[in-house]
Amino acid sequence: MAVLFETHEIETRLGLLREEHQDLDAAIMAMLASGTMDQLQVARMKRRKLRIKDEIQMLESRLVPDIIA
């Protein structure tokens, strides 16, 4: 039962992270398209986006069961 609860929590967190990742991507694209971009802000957003991607990958790997070959 605890494993199912943990899996649900991971999937919920993944959904939130994926949404934030997409929102950051859209915000970065909008800033670049506007031409009035703040390079420092864009760099911070890109770093945040990479941290989110790393966390997504880590959580996805926790959902995949270990298979002993």
PDB file of N, CA and C in Angstrom:
ATOM      1  N   MET A   1       0.826  -1.197   0.000  1.00  0.00           N
ATOM      2  CA  MET A   1       0.000   0.000   0.000  1.00  0.00           C
ATOM      3  C   MET A   1       0.868   1.258   0.000  1.00  0.00           C
ATOM      4  N   ALA A   2       1.959   1.227   0.782  1.00  0.00           N
ATOM      5  CA  ALA A   2       2.846   2.390   0.858  1.00  0.00           C
ATOM      6  C   ALA A   2       3.509   2.654  -0.481  1.00  0.00           C
ATOM      7  N   VAL A   3       3.803   1.584  -1.222  1.00  0.00           N
ATOM      8  CA  VAL A   3       4.439   1.748  -2.527  1.00  0.00           C
ATOM      9  C   VAL A   3       3.486   2.451  -3.492  1.00  0.00           C
ATOM     10  N   LEU A   4       2.204   2.087  -3.449  1.00  0.00           N
ATOM     11  CA  LEU A   4       1.223   2.729  -4.312  1.00  0.00           C
ATOM     12  C   LEU A   4       1.067   4.202  -3.951  1.00  0.00           C
ATOM     13  N   PHE A   5       1.093   4.500  -2.654  1.00  0.00           N
ATOM     14  CA  PHE A   5       0.982   5.882  -2.202  1.00  0.00           C
ATOM     15  C   PHE A   5       2.188   6.682  -2.675  1.00  0.00           C
ATOM     16  N   GLU A   6       3.382   6.096  -2.566  1.00  0.00           N
ATOM     17  CA  GLU A   6       4.594   6.776  -3.018  1.00  0.00           C
ATOM     18  C   GLU A   6       4.552   6.975  -4.535  1.00  0.00           C
ATOM     19  N   THR A   7       4.103   5.972  -5.266  1.00  0.00           N
ATOM     20  CA  THR A   7       4.002   6.084  -6.715  1.00  0.00           C
ATOM     21  C   THR A   7       3.054   7.211  -7.097  1.00  0.00           C
ATOM     22  N   HIS A   8       1.949   7.312  -6.407  1.00  0.00           N
ATOM     23  CA  HIS A   8       0.982   8.382  -6.674  1.00  0.00           C
ATOM     24  C   HIS A   8       1.609   9.753  -6.401  1.00  0.00           C
ATOM     25  N   GLU A   9       2.347   9.859  -5.298  1.00  0.00           N
ATOM     26  CA  GLU A   9       3.011  11.126  -4.967  1.00  0.00           C
ATOM     27  C   GLU A   9       4.031  11.502  -6.039  1.00  0.00           C
ATOM     28  N   ILE A  10       4.795  10.517  -6.510  1.00  0.00           N
ATOM     29  CA  ILE A  10       5.802  10.767  -7.543  1.00  0.00           C
ATOM     30  C   ILE A  10       5.123  11.225  -8.828  1.00  0.00           C
ATOM     31  N   GLU A  11       4.056  10.547  -9.218  1.00  0.00           N
ATOM     32  CA  GLU A  11       3.347  10.914 -10.446  1.00  0.00           C
ATOM     33  C   GLU A  11       2.745  12.314 -10.346  1.00  0.00           C
ATOM     34  N   THR A  12       2.238  12.654  -9.175  1.00  0.00           N
ATOM     35  CA  THR A  12       1.686  13.993  -8.964  1.00  0.00           C
ATOM     36  C   THR A  12       2.788  15.042  -9.084  1.00  0.00           C
ATOM     37  N   ARG A  13       3.908  14.788  -8.436  1.00  0.00           N
ATOM     38  CA  ARG A  13       5.048  15.715  -8.496  1.00  0.00           C
ATOM     39  C   ARG A  13       5.552  15.847  -9.929  1.00  0.00           C
ATOM     40  N   LEU A  14       5.611  14.719 -10.656  1.00  0.00           N
ATOM     41  CA  LEU A  14       6.045  14.755 -12.053  1.00  0.00           C
ATOM     42  C   LEU A  14       5.133  15.645 -12.887  1.00  0.00           C
ATOM     43  N   GLY A  15       3.846  15.538 -12.670  1.00  0.00           N
ATOM     44  CA  GLY A  15       2.896  16.373 -13.408  1.00  0.00           C
ATOM     45  C   GLY A  15       3.134  17.854 -13.154  1.00  0.00           C
ATOM     46  N   LEU A  16       3.363  18.203 -11.906  1.00  0.00           N
ATOM     47  CA  LEU A  16       3.615  19.600 -11.556  1.00  0.00           C
ATOM     48  C   LEU A  16       4.927  20.096 -12.158  1.00  0.00           C
ATOM     49  N   LEU A  17       5.949  19.263 -12.103  1.00  0.00           N
ATOM     50  CA  LEU A  17       7.243  19.649 -12.665  1.00  0.00           C
ATOM     51  C   LEU A  17       7.176  19.805 -14.174  1.00  0.00           C
ATOM     52  N   ARG A  18       6.491  18.895 -14.833  1.00  0.00           N
ATOM     53  CA  ARG A  18       6.356  18.988 -16.299  1.00  0.00           C
ATOM     54  C   ARG A  18       5.620  20.272 -16.688  1.00  0.00           C
ATOM     55  N   GLU A  19       4.609  20.605 -15.929  1.00  0.00           N
ATOM     56  CA  GLU A  19       3.856  21.833 -16.205  1.00  0.00           C
ATOM     57  C   GLU A  19       4.739  23.067 -16.004  1.00  0.00           C
ATOM     58  N   GLU A  20       5.503  23.076 -14.917  1.00  0.00           N
ATOM     59  CA  GLU A  20       6.399  24.207 -14.659  1.00  0.00           C
ATOM     60  C   GLU A  20       7.472  24.300 -15.746  1.00  0.00           C
ATOM     61  N   HIS A  21       7.965  23.151 -16.196  1.00  0.00           N
ATOM     62  CA  HIS A  21       8.976  23.113 -17.251  1.00  0.00           C
ATOM     63  C   HIS A  21       8.421  23.725 -18.539  1.00  0.00           C
ATOM     64  N   GLN A  22       7.191  23.369 -18.886  1.00  0.00           N
ATOM     65  CA  GLN A  22       6.545  23.921 -20.083  1.00  0.00           C
ATOM     66  C   GLN A  22       6.297  25.418 -19.934  1.00  0.00           C
ATOM     67  N   ASP A  23       5.880  25.833 -18.743  1.00  0.00           N
ATOM     68  CA  ASP A  23       5.640  27.257 -18.502  1.00  0.00           C
ATOM     69  C   ASP A  23       6.928  28.068 -18.635  1.00  0.00           C
ATOM     70  N   LEU A  24       8.023  27.533 -18.094  1.00  0.00           N
ATOM     71  CA  LEU A  24       9.310  28.218 -18.221  1.00  0.00           C
ATOM     72  C   LEU A  24       9.742  28.303 -19.679  1.00  0.00           C
ATOM     73  N   ASP A  25       9.537  27.220 -20.407  1.00  0.00           N
ATOM     74  CA  ASP A  25       9.893  27.209 -21.825  1.00  0.00           C
ATOM     75  C   ASP A  25       9.115  28.289 -22.575  1.00  0.00           C
ATOM     76  N   ALA A  26       7.824  28.379 -22.304  1.00  0.00           N
ATOM     77  CA  ALA A  26       6.996  29.399 -22.951  1.00  0.00           C
ATOM     78  C   ALA A  26       7.434  30.807 -22.551  1.00  0.00           C
ATOM     79  N   ALA A  27       7.766  30.994 -21.284  1.00  0.00           N
ATOM     80  CA  ALA A  27       8.196  32.311 -20.816  1.00  0.00           C
ATOM     81  C   ALA A  27       9.528  32.710 -21.447  1.00  0.00           C
ATOM     82  N   ILE A  28      10.437  31.764 -21.556  1.00  0.00           N
ATOM     83  CA  ILE A  28      11.730  32.038 -22.189  1.00  0.00           C
ATOM     84  C   ILE A  28      11.527  32.406 -23.654  1.00  0.00           C
ATOM     85  N   MET A  29      10.717  31.651 -24.341  1.00  0.00           N
ATOM     86  CA  MET A  29      10.456  31.928 -25.758  1.00  0.00           C
ATOM     87  C   MET A  29       9.806  33.304 -25.932  1.00  0.00           C
ATOM     88  N   ALA A  30       8.887  33.652 -25.036  1.00  0.00           N
ATOM     89  CA  ALA A  30       8.223  34.951 -25.120  1.00  0.00           C
ATOM     90  C   ALA A  30       9.215  36.091 -24.880  1.00  0.00           C
ATOM     91  N   MET A  31      10.112  35.896 -23.927  1.00  0.00           N
ATOM     92  CA  MET A  31      11.111  36.932 -23.660  1.00  0.00           C
ATOM     93  C   MET A  31      12.050  37.105 -24.850  1.00  0.00           C
ATOM     94  N   LEU A  32      12.448  35.992 -25.444  1.00  0.00           N
ATOM     95  CA  LEU A  32      13.347  36.066 -26.590  1.00  0.00           C
ATOM     96  C   LEU A  32      12.652  36.703 -27.792  1.00  0.00           C
ATOM     97  N   ALA A  33      11.371  36.419 -27.968  1.00  0.00           N
ATOM     98  CA  ALA A  33      10.615  36.956 -29.097  1.00  0.00           C
ATOM     99  C   ALA A  33      10.317  38.444 -28.930  1.00  0.00           C
ATOM    100  N   SER A  34      10.196  38.898 -27.690  1.00  0.00           N
ATOM    101  CA  SER A  34       9.832  40.296 -27.452  1.00  0.00           C
ATOM    102  C   SER A  34      10.974  41.257 -27.771  1.00  0.00           C
ATOM    103  N   GLY A  35      12.182  40.767 -27.714  1.00  0.00           N
ATOM    104  CA  GLY A  35      13.320  41.621 -28.007  1.00  0.00           C
ATOM    105  C   GLY A  35      13.736  42.507 -26.844  1.00  0.00           C
ATOM    106  N   THR A  36      12.946  42.537 -25.794  1.00  0.00           N
ATOM    107  CA  THR A  36      13.294  43.326 -24.619  1.00  0.00           C
ATOM    108  C   THR A  36      13.661  42.385 -23.478  1.00  0.00           C
ATOM    109  N   MET A  37      14.540  41.459 -23.798  1.00  0.00           N
ATOM    110  CA  MET A  37      14.850  40.426 -22.822  1.00  0.00           C
ATOM    111  C   MET A  37      15.945  40.876 -21.864  1.00  0.00           C
ATOM    112  N   ASP A  38      15.866  40.344 -20.689  1.00  0.00           N
ATOM    113  CA  ASP A  38      16.863  40.541 -19.653  1.00  0.00           C
ATOM    114  C   ASP A  38      17.732  39.281 -19.652  1.00  0.00           C
ATOM    115  N   GLN A  39      18.976  39.398 -20.097  1.00  0.00           N
ATOM    116  CA  GLN A  39      19.843  38.236 -20.236  1.00  0.00           C
ATOM    117  C   GLN A  39      20.002  37.475 -18.920  1.00  0.00           C
ATOM    118  N   LEU A  40      20.112  38.196 -17.825  1.00  0.00           N
ATOM    119  CA  LEU A  40      20.266  37.559 -16.528  1.00  0.00           C
ATOM    120  C   LEU A  40      19.018  36.758 -16.166  1.00  0.00           C
ATOM    121  N   GLN A  41      17.859  37.340 -16.412  1.00  0.00           N
ATOM    122  CA  GLN A  41      16.597  36.649 -16.118  1.00  0.00           C
ATOM    123  C   GLN A  41      16.444  35.406 -16.991  1.00  0.00           C
ATOM    124  N   VAL A  42      16.788  35.516 -18.267  1.00  0.00           N
ATOM    125  CA  VAL A  42      16.706  34.364 -19.175  1.00  0.00           C
ATOM    126  C   VAL A  42      17.644  33.261 -18.694  1.00  0.00           C
ATOM    127  N   ALA A  43      18.856  33.624 -18.297  1.00  0.00           N
ATOM    128  CA  ALA A  43      19.814  32.634 -17.812  1.00  0.00           C
ATOM    129  C   ALA A  43      19.298  31.933 -16.558  1.00  0.00           C
ATOM    130  N   ARG A  44      18.692  32.696 -15.643  1.00  0.00           N
ATOM    131  CA  ARG A  44      18.133  32.092 -14.431  1.00  0.00           C
ATOM    132  C   ARG A  44      16.997  31.132 -14.763  1.00  0.00           C
ATOM    133  N   MET A  45      16.163  31.538 -15.699  1.00  0.00           N
ATOM    134  CA  MET A  45      15.037  30.689 -16.088  1.00  0.00           C
ATOM    135  C   MET A  45      15.537  29.407 -16.752  1.00  0.00           C
ATOM    136  N   LYS A  46      16.575  29.519 -17.564  1.00  0.00           N
ATOM    137  CA  LYS A  46      17.133  28.334 -18.220  1.00  0.00           C
ATOM    138  C   LYS A  46      17.754  27.388 -17.194  1.00  0.00           C
ATOM    139  N   ARG A  47      18.444  27.939 -16.191  1.00  0.00           N
ATOM    140  CA  ARG A  47      19.015  27.088 -15.139  1.00  0.00           C
ATOM    141  C   ARG A  47      17.920  26.387 -14.356  1.00  0.00           C
ATOM    142  N   ARG A  48      16.855  27.119 -14.041  1.00  0.00           N
ATOM    143  CA  ARG A  48      15.722  26.519 -13.314  1.00  0.00           C
ATOM    144  C   ARG A  48      15.104  25.399 -14.153  1.00  0.00           C
ATOM    145  N   LYS A  49      14.976  25.642 -15.441  1.00  0.00           N
ATOM    146  CA  LYS A  49      14.409  24.647 -16.346  1.00  0.00           C
ATOM    147  C   LYS A  49      15.269  23.380 -16.359  1.00  0.00           C
ATOM    148  N   LEU A  50      16.583  23.526 -16.348  1.00  0.00           N
ATOM    149  CA  LEU A  50      17.486  22.370 -16.316  1.00  0.00           C
ATOM    150  C   LEU A  50      17.386  21.615 -14.994  1.00  0.00           C
ATOM    151  N   ARG A  51      17.264  22.343 -13.883  1.00  0.00           N
ATOM    152  CA  ARG A  51      17.104  21.676 -12.586  1.00  0.00           C
ATOM    153  C   ARG A  51      15.804  20.873 -12.553  1.00  0.00           C
ATOM    154  N   ILE A  52      14.757  21.446 -13.126  1.00  0.00           N
ATOM    155  CA  ILE A  52      13.475  20.741 -13.182  1.00  0.00           C
ATOM    156  C   ILE A  52      13.611  19.488 -14.034  1.00  0.00           C
ATOM    157  N   LYS A  53      14.283  19.605 -15.169  1.00  0.00           N
ATOM    158  CA  LYS A  53      14.478  18.445 -16.047  1.00  0.00           C
ATOM    159  C   LYS A  53      15.230  17.340 -15.314  1.00  0.00           C
ATOM    160  N   ASP A  54      16.262  17.699 -14.556  1.00  0.00           N
ATOM    161  CA  ASP A  54      17.018  16.711 -13.784  1.00  0.00           C
ATOM    162  C   ASP A  54      16.131  16.027 -12.748  1.00  0.00           C
ATOM    163  N   GLU A  55      15.296  16.811 -12.072  1.00  0.00           N
ATOM    164  CA  GLU A  55      14.401  16.228 -11.070  1.00  0.00           C
ATOM    165  C   GLU A  55      13.373  15.320 -11.727  1.00  0.00           C
ATOM    166  N   ILE A  56      12.870  15.701 -12.889  1.00  0.00           N
ATOM    167  CA  ILE A  56      11.921  14.860 -13.623  1.00  0.00           C
ATOM    168  C   ILE A  56      12.575  13.522 -13.952  1.00  0.00           C
ATOM    169  N   GLN A  57      13.792  13.560 -14.456  1.00  0.00           N
ATOM    170  CA  GLN A  57      14.490  12.324 -14.819  1.00  0.00           C
ATOM    171  C   GLN A  57      14.728  11.441 -13.592  1.00  0.00           C
ATOM    172  N   MET A  58      15.080  12.060 -12.466  1.00  0.00           N
ATOM    173  CA  MET A  58      15.309  11.299 -11.243  1.00  0.00           C
ATOM    174  C   MET A  58      14.019  10.627 -10.766  1.00  0.00           C
ATOM    175  N   LEU A  59      12.922  11.361 -10.794  1.00  0.00           N
ATOM    176  CA  LEU A  59      11.642  10.804 -10.361  1.00  0.00           C
ATOM    177  C   LEU A  59      11.161   9.716 -11.314  1.00  0.00           C
ATOM    178  N   GLU A  60      11.350   9.923 -12.612  1.00  0.00           N
ATOM    179  CA  GLU A  60      10.949   8.892 -13.576  1.00  0.00           C
ATOM    180  C   GLU A  60      11.735   7.612 -13.348  1.00  0.00           C
ATOM    181  N   SER A  61      12.998   7.732 -12.993  1.00  0.00           N
ATOM    182  CA  SER A  61      13.810   6.532 -12.752  1.00  0.00           C
ATOM    183  C   SER A  61      13.339   5.789 -11.502  1.00  0.00           C
ATOM    184  N   ARG A  62      12.755   6.512 -10.544  1.00  0.00           N
ATOM    185  CA  ARG A  62      12.209   5.852  -9.345  1.00  0.00           C
ATOM    186  C   ARG A  62      10.945   5.069  -9.663  1.00  0.00           C
ATOM    187  N   LEU A  63      10.259   5.447 -10.719  1.00  0.00           N
ATOM    188  CA  LEU A  63       9.032   4.734 -11.089  1.00  0.00           C
ATOM    189  C   LEU A  63       9.320   3.433 -11.830  1.00  0.00           C
ATOM    190  N   VAL A  64      10.506   3.339 -12.437  1.00  0.00           N
ATOM    191  CA  VAL A  64      10.868   2.138 -13.192  1.00  0.00           C
ATOM    192  C   VAL A  64      11.437   1.115 -12.225  1.00  0.00           C
ATOM    193  N   PRO A  65      10.857  -0.065 -12.166  1.00  0.00           N
ATOM    194  CA  PRO A  65      11.351  -1.075 -11.219  1.00  0.00           C
ATOM    195  C   PRO A  65      12.744  -1.571 -11.622  1.00  0.00           C
ATOM    196  N   ASP A  66      13.536  -1.882 -10.613  1.00  0.00           N
ATOM    197  CA  ASP A  66      14.850  -2.466 -10.860  1.00  0.00           C
ATOM    198  C   ASP A  66      14.658  -3.896 -11.368  1.00  0.00           C
ATOM    199  N   ILE A  67      15.318  -4.202 -12.467  1.00  0.00           N
ATOM    200  CA  ILE A  67      15.220  -5.546 -13.040  1.00  0.00           C
ATOM    201  C   ILE A  67      16.592  -6.199 -12.930  1.00  0.00           C
ATOM    202  N   ILE A  68      16.621  -7.320 -12.274  1.00  0.00           N
ATOM    203  CA  ILE A  68      17.877  -8.039 -12.123  1.00  0.00           C
ATOM    204  C   ILE A  68      18.072  -8.910 -13.353  1.00  0.00           C
ATOM    205  N   ALA A  69      19.153  -8.673 -14.069  1.00  0.00           N
ATOM    206  CA  ALA A  69      19.416  -9.416 -15.309  1.00  0.00           C
ATOM    207  C   ALA A  69      20.069 -10.734 -15.015  1.00  0.00           C
TER     208      ALA A  69
END
